[in-house]
Amino acid sequence: MNDDTTRILVTGGAGFIGSAYVRALLRGPRAENVTITVLDRLTYAGNPANLAAVRDHPGFAFVHGDVCDAGLVDELAATHDEMVHFAAESHVDRSIEDAADSTRTNVLGTQTLLAAAVRRGVGRFVHVSTDEVYGSVAEGSWPESSPVRPNSPYAASKAAGDLMALAYHRTHGLDVRVTRGSNTYGPYQYPEKIIPRFVTDLLQGRPVPLYGDGRNVRDWLHVDDHVLGVELVRRHGRPGEVYNIGGGNELTNRELTGLLLAACGTGWEMVREVADRKGHDLRYSVDCSKIRDELGYRPRHDFHAGLAATVAWYRDNRDWWEPSVWRP
């Protein structure tokens, strides 16, 4: 390790977006300038196989542990320059059924990390959040200056984490940068979210559940573009600022379902309409002009090509998802 190496602690680095971030940094052009320690509790959505491509990299280390473990977090903070915080309980349906896990991890876990960062002099803290904190918007898009109005327990816990992180910046001077990404898709996503859930169901000949009338609108962001945005914020963002990261691909859930059916070679007879989710936000949409104008962010993935590649990945990697397919 040279004197210019940045030692980064990545929480939740065995999960979907976190592992994509770790792979991108350790296989990218600046790999010699970073070392990464992944801290992950390996809950149902964390998978060590997601890190297989970088497991033998000299700049990689893995710690099996909990972001709420203050002693462990303090020990790790003492030997790292920066933190990138992906760890979260992120499934809305699970938070509706029982909000305890999302509250514990997303609020207490975030505060535990922030406190250690201040205590140990960590130089930079990137808090990875979600567009869901803004709540639903009928038209237009939420800029970062919009107040948070979360409507699900999950979104509320993430909003609380955001506010805690920003409070640590204002109170303690910690270099905190918050990202709020839109709905993310791509390979290695645990099959509980709509795209991997529907794809894995359809590949097994199972019908897929469409909430309500399917009018709910989401903006879709490829995981590699999400990672690109987070890394731009880590390297070039401003302390104390929030940056939205979007894909620019708004679709209703019904439109998305049609695309997934076509990609899997099936028709609408494989769809069963189910009772709508409680408190289901109608539309999310974030204004990404800030990250575009300040940091030069541009999504690189065409949605239709990215979706086709994602479906192909699940088709070709059944051994990754078949042992752990989630069912409500």
C-alpha atoms as a PDB file:
ATOM      1  CA  MET A   1       0.000   0.000   0.000  1.00  0.00           C
ATOM      2  CA  ASN A   2       1.420   3.382  -1.003  1.00  0.00           C
ATOM      3  CA  ASP A   3       1.002   6.680   0.822  1.00  0.00           C
ATOM      4  CA  ASP A   4      -1.733   7.798  -1.585  1.00  0.00           C
ATOM      5  CA  THR A   5      -3.956   4.775  -0.952  1.00  0.00           C
ATOM      6  CA  THR A   6      -7.426   5.537   0.390  1.00  0.00           C
ATOM      7  CA  ARG A   7      -8.714   2.984   2.880  1.00  0.00           C
ATOM      8  CA  ILE A   8     -12.469   2.661   2.443  1.00  0.00           C
ATOM      9  CA  LEU A   9     -14.885   0.826   4.730  1.00  0.00           C
ATOM     10  CA  VAL A  10     -17.919  -0.285   2.694  1.00  0.00           C
ATOM     11  CA  THR A  11     -20.911  -1.392   4.738  1.00  0.00           C
ATOM     12  CA  GLY A  12     -23.373  -3.786   3.146  1.00  0.00           C
ATOM     13  CA  GLY A  13     -20.755  -4.625   0.552  1.00  0.00           C
ATOM     14  CA  ALA A  14     -22.049  -8.163   0.011  1.00  0.00           C
ATOM     15  CA  GLY A  15     -25.477  -6.876  -1.015  1.00  0.00           C
ATOM     16  CA  PHE A  16     -26.754  -5.896  -4.428  1.00  0.00           C
ATOM     17  CA  ILE A  17     -25.565  -2.312  -4.911  1.00  0.00           C
ATOM     18  CA  GLY A  18     -22.726  -2.497  -2.380  1.00  0.00           C
ATOM     19  CA  SER A  19     -21.090  -5.489  -4.063  1.00  0.00           C
ATOM     20  CA  ALA A  20     -21.378  -3.795  -7.473  1.00  0.00           C
ATOM     21  CA  TYR A  21     -19.580  -0.794  -5.974  1.00  0.00           C
ATOM     22  CA  VAL A  22     -16.793  -2.944  -4.535  1.00  0.00           C
ATOM     23  CA  ARG A  23     -16.326  -4.836  -7.799  1.00  0.00           C
ATOM     24  CA  ALA A  24     -16.252  -1.586  -9.772  1.00  0.00           C
ATOM     25  CA  LEU A  25     -13.587   0.020  -7.586  1.00  0.00           C
ATOM     26  CA  LEU A  26     -11.305  -3.009  -7.306  1.00  0.00           C
ATOM     27  CA  ARG A  27     -11.546  -3.844 -11.006  1.00  0.00           C
ATOM     28  CA  GLY A  28     -11.425  -0.243 -12.217  1.00  0.00           C
ATOM     29  CA  PRO A  29      -8.630   2.103 -13.325  1.00  0.00           C
ATOM     30  CA  ARG A  30      -7.987   3.388  -9.800  1.00  0.00           C
ATOM     31  CA  ALA A  31      -7.846  -0.008  -8.109  1.00  0.00           C
ATOM     32  CA  GLU A  32      -4.241   0.535  -7.008  1.00  0.00           C
ATOM     33  CA  ASN A  33      -5.245   3.666  -5.126  1.00  0.00           C
ATOM     34  CA  VAL A  34      -7.837   2.109  -2.809  1.00  0.00           C
ATOM     35  CA  THR A  35      -8.179  -0.708  -0.343  1.00  0.00           C
ATOM     36  CA  ILE A  36     -11.644  -1.859   0.632  1.00  0.00           C
ATOM     37  CA  THR A  37     -12.914  -3.569   3.745  1.00  0.00           C
ATOM     38  CA  VAL A  38     -16.456  -4.875   3.459  1.00  0.00           C
ATOM     39  CA  LEU A  39     -18.509  -5.006   6.649  1.00  0.00           C
ATOM     40  CA  ASP A  40     -21.619  -7.109   6.169  1.00  0.00           C
ATOM     41  CA  ARG A  41     -23.891  -9.066   8.503  1.00  0.00           C
ATOM     42  CA  LEU A  42     -24.808 -11.468   5.674  1.00  0.00           C
ATOM     43  CA  THR A  43     -28.531 -11.366   6.248  1.00  0.00           C
ATOM     44  CA  TYR A  44     -30.785 -13.069   3.702  1.00  0.00           C
ATOM     45  CA  ALA A  45     -29.910 -10.506   0.978  1.00  0.00           C
ATOM     46  CA  GLY A  46     -26.143 -10.525   1.538  1.00  0.00           C
ATOM     47  CA  ASN A  47     -24.229 -13.130  -0.421  1.00  0.00           C
ATOM     48  CA  PRO A  48     -20.449 -13.741  -0.315  1.00  0.00           C
ATOM     49  CA  ALA A  49     -20.706 -15.045  -3.894  1.00  0.00           C
ATOM     50  CA  ASN A  50     -21.360 -11.455  -4.988  1.00  0.00           C
ATOM     51  CA  LEU A  51     -17.737 -10.689  -4.114  1.00  0.00           C
ATOM     52  CA  ALA A  52     -16.128 -13.749  -5.697  1.00  0.00           C
ATOM     53  CA  ALA A  53     -14.592 -11.672  -8.508  1.00  0.00           C
ATOM     54  CA  VAL A  54     -12.523  -9.597  -6.057  1.00  0.00           C
ATOM     55  CA  ARG A  55     -12.044 -12.013  -3.162  1.00  0.00           C
ATOM     56  CA  ASP A  56      -8.361 -12.549  -4.003  1.00  0.00           C
ATOM     57  CA  HIS A  57      -7.592  -8.913  -4.698  1.00  0.00           C
ATOM     58  CA  PRO A  58      -4.758  -7.700  -2.418  1.00  0.00           C
ATOM     59  CA  GLY A  59      -6.754  -4.600  -1.562  1.00  0.00           C
ATOM     60  CA  PHE A  60      -9.845  -6.489  -0.388  1.00  0.00           C
ATOM     61  CA  ALA A  61     -10.832  -7.651   3.100  1.00  0.00           C
ATOM     62  CA  PHE A  62     -14.104  -8.942   4.488  1.00  0.00           C
ATOM     63  CA  VAL A  63     -15.452  -8.605   8.026  1.00  0.00           C
ATOM     64  CA  HIS A  64     -18.590 -10.485   9.022  1.00  0.00           C
ATOM     65  CA  GLY A  65     -20.308  -8.141  11.426  1.00  0.00           C
ATOM     66  CA  ASP A  66     -23.124  -5.776  12.271  1.00  0.00           C
ATOM     67  CA  VAL A  67     -23.200  -1.997  11.737  1.00  0.00           C
ATOM     68  CA  CYS A  68     -24.937  -1.766  15.121  1.00  0.00           C
ATOM     69  CA  ASP A  69     -21.944  -3.369  16.882  1.00  0.00           C
ATOM     70  CA  ALA A  70     -20.368  -0.210  18.306  1.00  0.00           C
ATOM     71  CA  GLY A  71     -17.150  -1.905  19.412  1.00  0.00           C
ATOM     72  CA  LEU A  72     -16.483  -3.514  16.037  1.00  0.00           C
ATOM     73  CA  VAL A  73     -17.420  -0.379  14.126  1.00  0.00           C
ATOM     74  CA  ASP A  74     -15.112   1.726  16.295  1.00  0.00           C
ATOM     75  CA  GLU A  75     -12.239  -0.684  15.703  1.00  0.00           C
ATOM     76  CA  LEU A  76     -12.751  -0.564  11.935  1.00  0.00           C
ATOM     77  CA  ALA A  77     -13.199   3.212  11.826  1.00  0.00           C
ATOM     78  CA  ALA A  78      -9.791   3.621  13.450  1.00  0.00           C
ATOM     79  CA  THR A  79      -8.057   2.059  10.440  1.00  0.00           C
ATOM     80  CA  HIS A  80     -10.029   3.590   7.571  1.00  0.00           C
ATOM     81  CA  ASP A  81     -10.012   6.978   5.875  1.00  0.00           C
ATOM     82  CA  GLU A  82     -13.537   6.923   4.469  1.00  0.00           C
ATOM     83  CA  MET A  83     -16.855   5.114   4.843  1.00  0.00           C
ATOM     84  CA  VAL A  84     -19.397   4.344   2.129  1.00  0.00           C
ATOM     85  CA  HIS A  85     -22.578   3.202   3.837  1.00  0.00           C
ATOM     86  CA  PHE A  86     -24.806   0.886   1.777  1.00  0.00           C
ATOM     87  CA  ALA A  87     -25.984  -1.412   4.578  1.00  0.00           C
ATOM     88  CA  ALA A  88     -29.763  -1.271   4.919  1.00  0.00           C
ATOM     89  CA  GLU A  89     -32.897  -3.279   5.358  1.00  0.00           C
ATOM     90  CA  SER A  90     -34.464  -2.164   2.101  1.00  0.00           C
ATOM     91  CA  HIS A  91     -37.606  -4.170   1.407  1.00  0.00           C
ATOM     92  CA  VAL A  92     -40.800  -2.155   1.806  1.00  0.00           C
ATOM     93  CA  ASP A  93     -43.099  -5.165   2.280  1.00  0.00           C
ATOM     94  CA  ARG A  94     -40.936  -6.507   5.096  1.00  0.00           C
ATOM     95  CA  SER A  95     -40.956  -3.108   6.800  1.00  0.00           C
ATOM     96  CA  ILE A  96     -44.748  -2.976   6.588  1.00  0.00           C
ATOM     97  CA  GLU A  97     -45.006  -6.388   8.217  1.00  0.00           C
ATOM     98  CA  ASP A  98     -42.475  -5.511  10.928  1.00  0.00           C
ATOM     99  CA  ALA A  99     -40.496  -2.260  11.002  1.00  0.00           C
ATOM    100  CA  ALA A 100     -38.098  -3.288  13.767  1.00  0.00           C
ATOM    101  CA  ASP A 101     -35.261  -4.514  11.530  1.00  0.00           C
ATOM    102  CA  SER A 102     -35.369  -1.539   9.178  1.00  0.00           C
ATOM    103  CA  THR A 103     -35.448   0.892  12.096  1.00  0.00           C
ATOM    104  CA  ARG A 104     -32.560  -0.824  13.864  1.00  0.00           C
ATOM    105  CA  THR A 105     -30.252  -1.076  10.859  1.00  0.00           C
ATOM    106  CA  ASN A 106     -31.181   2.059   8.954  1.00  0.00           C
ATOM    107  CA  VAL A 107     -31.324   4.421  11.934  1.00  0.00           C
ATOM    108  CA  LEU A 108     -29.290   2.981  14.814  1.00  0.00           C
ATOM    109  CA  GLY A 109     -26.745   1.404  12.470  1.00  0.00           C
ATOM    110  CA  THR A 110     -26.228   4.695  10.663  1.00  0.00           C
ATOM    111  CA  GLN A 111     -25.824   6.583  13.938  1.00  0.00           C
ATOM    112  CA  THR A 112     -23.325   3.991  15.203  1.00  0.00           C
ATOM    113  CA  LEU A 113     -21.192   4.467  12.089  1.00  0.00           C
ATOM    114  CA  LEU A 114     -21.397   8.253  12.240  1.00  0.00           C
ATOM    115  CA  ALA A 115     -20.379   8.346  15.883  1.00  0.00           C
ATOM    116  CA  ALA A 116     -17.374   6.131  15.198  1.00  0.00           C
ATOM    117  CA  ALA A 117     -16.426   8.250  12.187  1.00  0.00           C
ATOM    118  CA  VAL A 118     -16.336  11.385  14.339  1.00  0.00           C
ATOM    119  CA  ARG A 119     -14.538   9.677  17.202  1.00  0.00           C
ATOM    120  CA  ARG A 120     -11.866   8.147  14.959  1.00  0.00           C
ATOM    121  CA  GLY A 121     -11.383  11.034  12.551  1.00  0.00           C
ATOM    122  CA  VAL A 122     -12.746   9.390   9.413  1.00  0.00           C
ATOM    123  CA  GLY A 123     -12.349  11.924   6.648  1.00  0.00           C
ATOM    124  CA  ARG A 124     -15.414  11.258   4.508  1.00  0.00           C
ATOM    125  CA  PHE A 125     -18.778   9.541   4.972  1.00  0.00           C
ATOM    126  CA  VAL A 126     -21.036   8.741   2.007  1.00  0.00           C
ATOM    127  CA  HIS A 127     -24.555   7.794   3.055  1.00  0.00           C
ATOM    128  CA  VAL A 128     -26.392   5.884   0.325  1.00  0.00           C
ATOM    129  CA  SER A 129     -30.128   6.536   0.524  1.00  0.00           C
ATOM    130  CA  THR A 130     -33.208   6.336  -1.696  1.00  0.00           C
ATOM    131  CA  ASP A 131     -35.651   8.513  -3.639  1.00  0.00           C
ATOM    132  CA  GLU A 132     -38.430   6.996  -1.518  1.00  0.00           C
ATOM    133  CA  VAL A 133     -37.656   9.459   1.273  1.00  0.00           C
ATOM    134  CA  TYR A 134     -39.382  12.213  -0.738  1.00  0.00           C
ATOM    135  CA  GLY A 135     -42.670  10.369  -0.920  1.00  0.00           C
ATOM    136  CA  SER A 136     -44.974  10.416  -3.918  1.00  0.00           C
ATOM    137  CA  VAL A 137     -45.034  13.218  -6.500  1.00  0.00           C
ATOM    138  CA  ALA A 138     -47.945  13.563  -8.946  1.00  0.00           C
ATOM    139  CA  GLU A 139     -46.014  15.551 -11.544  1.00  0.00           C
ATOM    140  CA  GLY A 140     -42.580  17.040 -11.915  1.00  0.00           C
ATOM    141  CA  SER A 141     -39.544  15.769 -10.021  1.00  0.00           C
ATOM    142  CA  TRP A 142     -38.181  16.228  -6.509  1.00  0.00           C
ATOM    143  CA  PRO A 143     -35.004  18.346  -6.238  1.00  0.00           C
ATOM    144  CA  GLU A 144     -32.679  17.789  -3.307  1.00  0.00           C
ATOM    145  CA  SER A 145     -34.096  20.865  -1.578  1.00  0.00           C
ATOM    146  CA  SER A 146     -37.499  19.166  -1.225  1.00  0.00           C
ATOM    147  CA  PRO A 147     -38.493  18.143   2.303  1.00  0.00           C
ATOM    148  CA  VAL A 148     -38.608  14.441   3.055  1.00  0.00           C
ATOM    149  CA  ARG A 149     -42.137  13.032   3.312  1.00  0.00           C
ATOM    150  CA  PRO A 150     -41.728   9.252   3.587  1.00  0.00           C
ATOM    151  CA  ASN A 151     -44.832   7.075   3.501  1.00  0.00           C
ATOM    152  CA  SER A 152     -43.571   3.566   4.300  1.00  0.00           C
ATOM    153  CA  PRO A 153     -41.731   2.442   7.438  1.00  0.00           C
ATOM    154  CA  TYR A 154     -38.724   1.603   5.249  1.00  0.00           C
ATOM    155  CA  ALA A 155     -38.657   5.066   3.671  1.00  0.00           C
ATOM    156  CA  ALA A 156     -39.126   6.671   7.081  1.00  0.00           C
ATOM    157  CA  SER A 157     -36.141   4.780   8.468  1.00  0.00           C
ATOM    158  CA  LYS A 158     -33.983   5.855   5.521  1.00  0.00           C
ATOM    159  CA  ALA A 159     -35.123   9.472   5.883  1.00  0.00           C
ATOM    160  CA  ALA A 160     -34.178   9.318   9.565  1.00  0.00           C
ATOM    161  CA  GLY A 161     -30.742   8.017   8.600  1.00  0.00           C
ATOM    162  CA  ASP A 162     -30.339  10.848   6.080  1.00  0.00           C
ATOM    163  CA  LEU A 163     -31.236  13.458   8.671  1.00  0.00           C
ATOM    164  CA  MET A 164     -28.929  11.887  11.232  1.00  0.00           C
ATOM    165  CA  ALA A 165     -26.047  11.936   8.750  1.00  0.00           C
ATOM    166  CA  LEU A 166     -26.655  15.564   7.811  1.00  0.00           C
ATOM    167  CA  ALA A 167     -26.950  16.468  11.489  1.00  0.00           C
ATOM    168  CA  TYR A 168     -23.513  14.948  12.140  1.00  0.00           C
ATOM    169  CA  HIS A 169     -22.139  17.172   9.395  1.00  0.00           C
ATOM    170  CA  ARG A 170     -23.706  20.303  10.858  1.00  0.00           C
ATOM    171  CA  THR A 171     -22.970  19.465  14.492  1.00  0.00           C
ATOM    172  CA  HIS A 172     -19.578  17.789  14.297  1.00  0.00           C
ATOM    173  CA  GLY A 173     -18.220  18.984  10.947  1.00  0.00           C
ATOM    174  CA  LEU A 174     -18.041  15.435   9.594  1.00  0.00           C
ATOM    175  CA  ASP A 175     -17.682  15.363   5.804  1.00  0.00           C
ATOM    176  CA  VAL A 176     -21.034  13.744   4.996  1.00  0.00           C
ATOM    177  CA  ARG A 177     -22.402  13.325   1.477  1.00  0.00           C
ATOM    178  CA  VAL A 178     -25.853  11.797   0.902  1.00  0.00           C
ATOM    179  CA  THR A 179     -27.018  10.109  -2.299  1.00  0.00           C
ATOM    180  CA  ARG A 180     -30.647   9.326  -3.104  1.00  0.00           C
ATOM    181  CA  GLY A 181     -30.955   6.802  -5.905  1.00  0.00           C
ATOM    182  CA  SER A 182     -34.027   5.731  -7.822  1.00  0.00           C
ATOM    183  CA  ASN A 183     -35.203   2.122  -8.278  1.00  0.00           C
ATOM    184  CA  THR A 184     -32.140   0.098  -9.155  1.00  0.00           C
ATOM    185  CA  TYR A 185     -31.943  -3.058 -11.262  1.00  0.00           C
ATOM    186  CA  GLY A 186     -29.270  -5.396 -12.599  1.00  0.00           C
ATOM    187  CA  PRO A 187     -27.540  -8.706 -11.818  1.00  0.00           C
ATOM    188  CA  TYR A 188     -27.054 -10.022  -8.268  1.00  0.00           C
ATOM    189  CA  GLN A 189     -30.261  -8.450  -6.921  1.00  0.00           C
ATOM    190  CA  TYR A 190     -32.014 -10.676  -4.407  1.00  0.00           C
ATOM    191  CA  PRO A 191     -35.326 -11.913  -5.886  1.00  0.00           C
ATOM    192  CA  GLU A 192     -37.749  -9.991  -3.726  1.00  0.00           C
ATOM    193  CA  LYS A 193     -37.801  -6.707  -5.681  1.00  0.00           C
ATOM    194  CA  ILE A 194     -40.062  -6.550  -8.723  1.00  0.00           C
ATOM    195  CA  ILE A 195     -37.595  -7.209 -11.576  1.00  0.00           C
ATOM    196  CA  PRO A 196     -35.703 -10.212 -10.161  1.00  0.00           C
ATOM    197  CA  ARG A 197     -38.872 -11.516  -8.491  1.00  0.00           C
ATOM    198  CA  PHE A 198     -40.844 -11.481 -11.728  1.00  0.00           C
ATOM    199  CA  VAL A 199     -37.963 -12.848 -13.811  1.00  0.00           C
ATOM    200  CA  THR A 200     -37.214 -15.756 -11.487  1.00  0.00           C
ATOM    201  CA  ASP A 201     -40.917 -16.570 -11.144  1.00  0.00           C
ATOM    202  CA  LEU A 202     -41.445 -16.536 -14.904  1.00  0.00           C
ATOM    203  CA  LEU A 203     -38.333 -18.646 -15.534  1.00  0.00           C
ATOM    204  CA  GLN A 204     -39.866 -21.266 -13.238  1.00  0.00           C
ATOM    205  CA  GLY A 205     -43.281 -21.068 -14.890  1.00  0.00           C
ATOM    206  CA  ARG A 206     -44.869 -19.330 -11.907  1.00  0.00           C
ATOM    207  CA  PRO A 207     -47.418 -16.491 -12.214  1.00  0.00           C
ATOM    208  CA  VAL A 208     -46.270 -13.055 -11.099  1.00  0.00           C
ATOM    209  CA  PRO A 209     -48.135 -10.793  -8.629  1.00  0.00           C
ATOM    210  CA  LEU A 210     -48.950  -7.282  -9.858  1.00  0.00           C
ATOM    211  CA  TYR A 211     -50.007  -4.873  -7.125  1.00  0.00           C
ATOM    212  CA  GLY A 212     -53.374  -3.176  -7.709  1.00  0.00           C
ATOM    213  CA  ASP A 213     -53.890  -1.789 -11.194  1.00  0.00           C
ATOM    214  CA  GLY A 214     -50.154  -1.426 -11.901  1.00  0.00           C
ATOM    215  CA  ARG A 215     -50.330   2.358 -12.373  1.00  0.00           C
ATOM    216  CA  ASN A 216     -47.499   3.053  -9.912  1.00  0.00           C
ATOM    217  CA  VAL A 217     -44.580   4.801 -11.650  1.00  0.00           C
ATOM    218  CA  ARG A 218     -40.899   4.276 -10.911  1.00  0.00           C
ATOM    219  CA  ASP A 219     -37.689   5.572 -12.482  1.00  0.00           C
ATOM    220  CA  TRP A 220     -35.295   2.728 -13.302  1.00  0.00           C
ATOM    221  CA  LEU A 221     -31.545   3.014 -12.765  1.00  0.00           C
ATOM    222  CA  HIS A 222     -28.991   0.379 -13.759  1.00  0.00           C
ATOM    223  CA  VAL A 223     -26.833  -0.700 -10.829  1.00  0.00           C
ATOM    224  CA  ASP A 224     -23.614   0.251 -12.634  1.00  0.00           C
ATOM    225  CA  ASP A 225     -24.960   3.768 -13.199  1.00  0.00           C
ATOM    226  CA  HIS A 226     -25.962   3.964  -9.537  1.00  0.00           C
ATOM    227  CA  VAL A 227     -22.416   2.959  -8.586  1.00  0.00           C
ATOM    228  CA  LEU A 228     -21.030   5.574 -10.978  1.00  0.00           C
ATOM    229  CA  GLY A 229     -23.086   8.262  -9.254  1.00  0.00           C
ATOM    230  CA  VAL A 230     -22.051   7.189  -5.755  1.00  0.00           C
ATOM    231  CA  GLU A 231     -18.384   7.192  -6.741  1.00  0.00           C
ATOM    232  CA  LEU A 232     -18.639  10.654  -8.321  1.00  0.00           C
ATOM    233  CA  VAL A 233     -20.150  11.933  -5.074  1.00  0.00           C
ATOM    234  CA  ARG A 234     -17.465  10.224  -2.986  1.00  0.00           C
ATOM    235  CA  ARG A 235     -14.634  11.695  -5.018  1.00  0.00           C
ATOM    236  CA  HIS A 236     -15.987  15.066  -6.095  1.00  0.00           C
ATOM    237  CA  GLY A 237     -19.159  15.877  -4.150  1.00  0.00           C
ATOM    238  CA  ARG A 238     -19.451  18.670  -1.622  1.00  0.00           C
ATOM    239  CA  PRO A 239     -19.601  18.051   2.143  1.00  0.00           C
ATOM    240  CA  GLY A 240     -23.058  18.400   3.632  1.00  0.00           C
ATOM    241  CA  GLU A 241     -24.813  18.043   0.278  1.00  0.00           C
ATOM    242  CA  VAL A 242     -27.466  15.653  -1.036  1.00  0.00           C
ATOM    243  CA  TYR A 243     -27.294  14.309  -4.602  1.00  0.00           C
ATOM    244  CA  ASN A 244     -30.130  12.598  -6.448  1.00  0.00           C
ATOM    245  CA  ILE A 245     -29.139   9.761  -8.801  1.00  0.00           C
ATOM    246  CA  GLY A 246     -31.687   8.732 -11.415  1.00  0.00           C
ATOM    247  CA  GLY A 247     -31.857   6.695 -14.570  1.00  0.00           C
ATOM    248  CA  GLY A 248     -34.344   8.733 -16.583  1.00  0.00           C
ATOM    249  CA  ASN A 249     -36.515   5.688 -17.305  1.00  0.00           C
ATOM    250  CA  GLU A 250     -40.005   6.211 -15.876  1.00  0.00           C
ATOM    251  CA  LEU A 251     -42.401   3.298 -16.343  1.00  0.00           C
ATOM    252  CA  THR A 252     -45.607   2.172 -14.726  1.00  0.00           C
ATOM    253  CA  ASN A 253     -45.389  -1.216 -13.072  1.00  0.00           C
ATOM    254  CA  ARG A 254     -47.818  -2.473 -15.715  1.00  0.00           C
ATOM    255  CA  GLU A 255     -45.514  -1.281 -18.510  1.00  0.00           C
ATOM    256  CA  LEU A 256     -42.529  -2.894 -16.793  1.00  0.00           C
ATOM    257  CA  THR A 257     -44.463  -6.137 -16.363  1.00  0.00           C
ATOM    258  CA  GLY A 258     -45.193  -6.195 -20.100  1.00  0.00           C
ATOM    259  CA  LEU A 259     -41.501  -5.827 -20.894  1.00  0.00           C
ATOM    260  CA  LEU A 260     -40.569  -8.630 -18.484  1.00  0.00           C
ATOM    261  CA  LEU A 261     -43.224 -10.952 -19.895  1.00  0.00           C
ATOM    262  CA  ALA A 262     -41.919 -10.368 -23.407  1.00  0.00           C
ATOM    263  CA  ALA A 263     -38.300 -10.871 -22.324  1.00  0.00           C
ATOM    264  CA  CYS A 264     -39.223 -14.195 -20.712  1.00  0.00           C
ATOM    265  CA  GLY A 265     -41.358 -15.325 -23.660  1.00  0.00           C
ATOM    266  CA  THR A 266     -44.671 -15.383 -21.797  1.00  0.00           C
ATOM    267  CA  GLY A 267     -47.942 -13.434 -21.852  1.00  0.00           C
ATOM    268  CA  TRP A 268     -50.436 -11.756 -19.550  1.00  0.00           C
ATOM    269  CA  GLU A 269     -51.953 -15.088 -18.579  1.00  0.00           C
ATOM    270  CA  MET A 270     -48.963 -15.343 -16.209  1.00  0.00           C
ATOM    271  CA  VAL A 271     -50.016 -12.223 -14.261  1.00  0.00           C
ATOM    272  CA  ARG A 272     -52.265 -12.291 -11.216  1.00  0.00           C
ATOM    273  CA  GLU A 273     -53.459  -8.973  -9.845  1.00  0.00           C
ATOM    274  CA  VAL A 274     -53.192  -8.857  -6.058  1.00  0.00           C
ATOM    275  CA  ALA A 275     -54.346  -6.406  -3.408  1.00  0.00           C
ATOM    276  CA  ASP A 276     -52.314  -3.216  -3.503  1.00  0.00           C
ATOM    277  CA  ARG A 277     -49.541  -2.610  -0.994  1.00  0.00           C
ATOM    278  CA  LYS A 278     -50.538  -0.517   2.013  1.00  0.00           C
ATOM    279  CA  GLY A 279     -49.621   3.128   1.521  1.00  0.00           C
ATOM    280  CA  HIS A 280     -48.291   2.406  -1.981  1.00  0.00           C
ATOM    281  CA  ASP A 281     -46.729   5.606  -3.377  1.00  0.00           C
ATOM    282  CA  LEU A 282     -48.043   6.353  -6.848  1.00  0.00           C
ATOM    283  CA  ARG A 283     -44.972   7.942  -8.404  1.00  0.00           C
ATOM    284  CA  TYR A 284     -41.327   8.616  -7.604  1.00  0.00           C
ATOM    285  CA  SER A 285     -39.274  11.001  -9.692  1.00  0.00           C
ATOM    286  CA  VAL A 286     -36.083  12.842  -8.808  1.00  0.00           C
ATOM    287  CA  ASP A 287     -34.482  15.849 -10.446  1.00  0.00           C
ATOM    288  CA  CYS A 288     -30.886  14.888 -11.273  1.00  0.00           C
ATOM    289  CA  SER A 289     -29.714  18.235 -12.613  1.00  0.00           C
ATOM    290  CA  LYS A 290     -27.478  18.852  -9.569  1.00  0.00           C
ATOM    291  CA  ILE A 291     -25.281  15.768  -9.973  1.00  0.00           C
ATOM    292  CA  ARG A 292     -25.301  16.252 -13.725  1.00  0.00           C
ATOM    293  CA  ASP A 293     -24.247  19.891 -13.635  1.00  0.00           C
ATOM    294  CA  GLU A 294     -21.820  19.689 -10.700  1.00  0.00           C
ATOM    295  CA  LEU A 295     -20.233  16.278 -11.233  1.00  0.00           C
ATOM    296  CA  GLY A 296     -20.892  15.444 -14.891  1.00  0.00           C
ATOM    297  CA  TYR A 297     -23.077  12.433 -14.140  1.00  0.00           C
ATOM    298  CA  ARG A 298     -24.764  10.766 -17.106  1.00  0.00           C
ATOM    299  CA  PRO A 299     -26.375   7.307 -17.029  1.00  0.00           C
ATOM    300  CA  ARG A 300     -24.526   5.041 -19.461  1.00  0.00           C
ATOM    301  CA  HIS A 301     -26.974   2.151 -19.791  1.00  0.00           C
ATOM    302  CA  ASP A 302     -29.850   2.084 -22.230  1.00  0.00           C
ATOM    303  CA  PHE A 303     -32.793   0.736 -20.252  1.00  0.00           C
ATOM    304  CA  HIS A 304     -34.030  -1.812 -22.769  1.00  0.00           C
ATOM    305  CA  ALA A 305     -30.541  -3.211 -23.344  1.00  0.00           C
ATOM    306  CA  GLY A 306     -29.860  -3.234 -19.607  1.00  0.00           C
ATOM    307  CA  LEU A 307     -33.119  -5.013 -18.867  1.00  0.00           C
ATOM    308  CA  ALA A 308     -32.439  -7.654 -21.530  1.00  0.00           C
ATOM    309  CA  ALA A 309     -28.961  -8.254 -20.109  1.00  0.00           C
ATOM    310  CA  THR A 310     -30.395  -8.524 -16.599  1.00  0.00           C
ATOM    311  CA  VAL A 311     -32.974 -11.124 -17.672  1.00  0.00           C
ATOM    312  CA  ALA A 312     -30.222 -13.052 -19.451  1.00  0.00           C
ATOM    313  CA  TRP A 313     -28.069 -12.976 -16.302  1.00  0.00           C
ATOM    314  CA  TYR A 314     -30.824 -14.565 -14.198  1.00  0.00           C
ATOM    315  CA  ARG A 315     -31.481 -17.114 -16.931  1.00  0.00           C
ATOM    316  CA  ASP A 316     -27.790 -18.041 -17.045  1.00  0.00           C
ATOM    317  CA  ASN A 317     -27.158 -18.000 -13.273  1.00  0.00           C
ATOM    318  CA  ARG A 318     -29.921 -20.094 -11.797  1.00  0.00           C
ATOM    319  CA  ASP A 319     -27.461 -21.621  -9.342  1.00  0.00           C
ATOM    320  CA  TRP A 320     -27.043 -18.158  -7.767  1.00  0.00           C
ATOM    321  CA  TRP A 321     -30.745 -17.567  -7.077  1.00  0.00           C
ATOM    322  CA  GLU A 322     -32.505 -20.923  -6.994  1.00  0.00           C
ATOM    323  CA  PRO A 323     -31.330 -21.947  -3.507  1.00  0.00           C
ATOM    324  CA  SER A 324     -32.702 -18.768  -1.961  1.00  0.00           C
ATOM    325  CA  VAL A 325     -35.747 -17.677  -3.912  1.00  0.00           C
ATOM    326  CA  TRP A 326     -37.853 -15.552  -1.583  1.00  0.00           C
ATOM    327  CA  ARG A 327     -41.582 -16.075  -1.230  1.00  0.00           C
ATOM    328  CA  PRO A 328     -43.956 -13.854   0.780  1.00  0.00           C
END
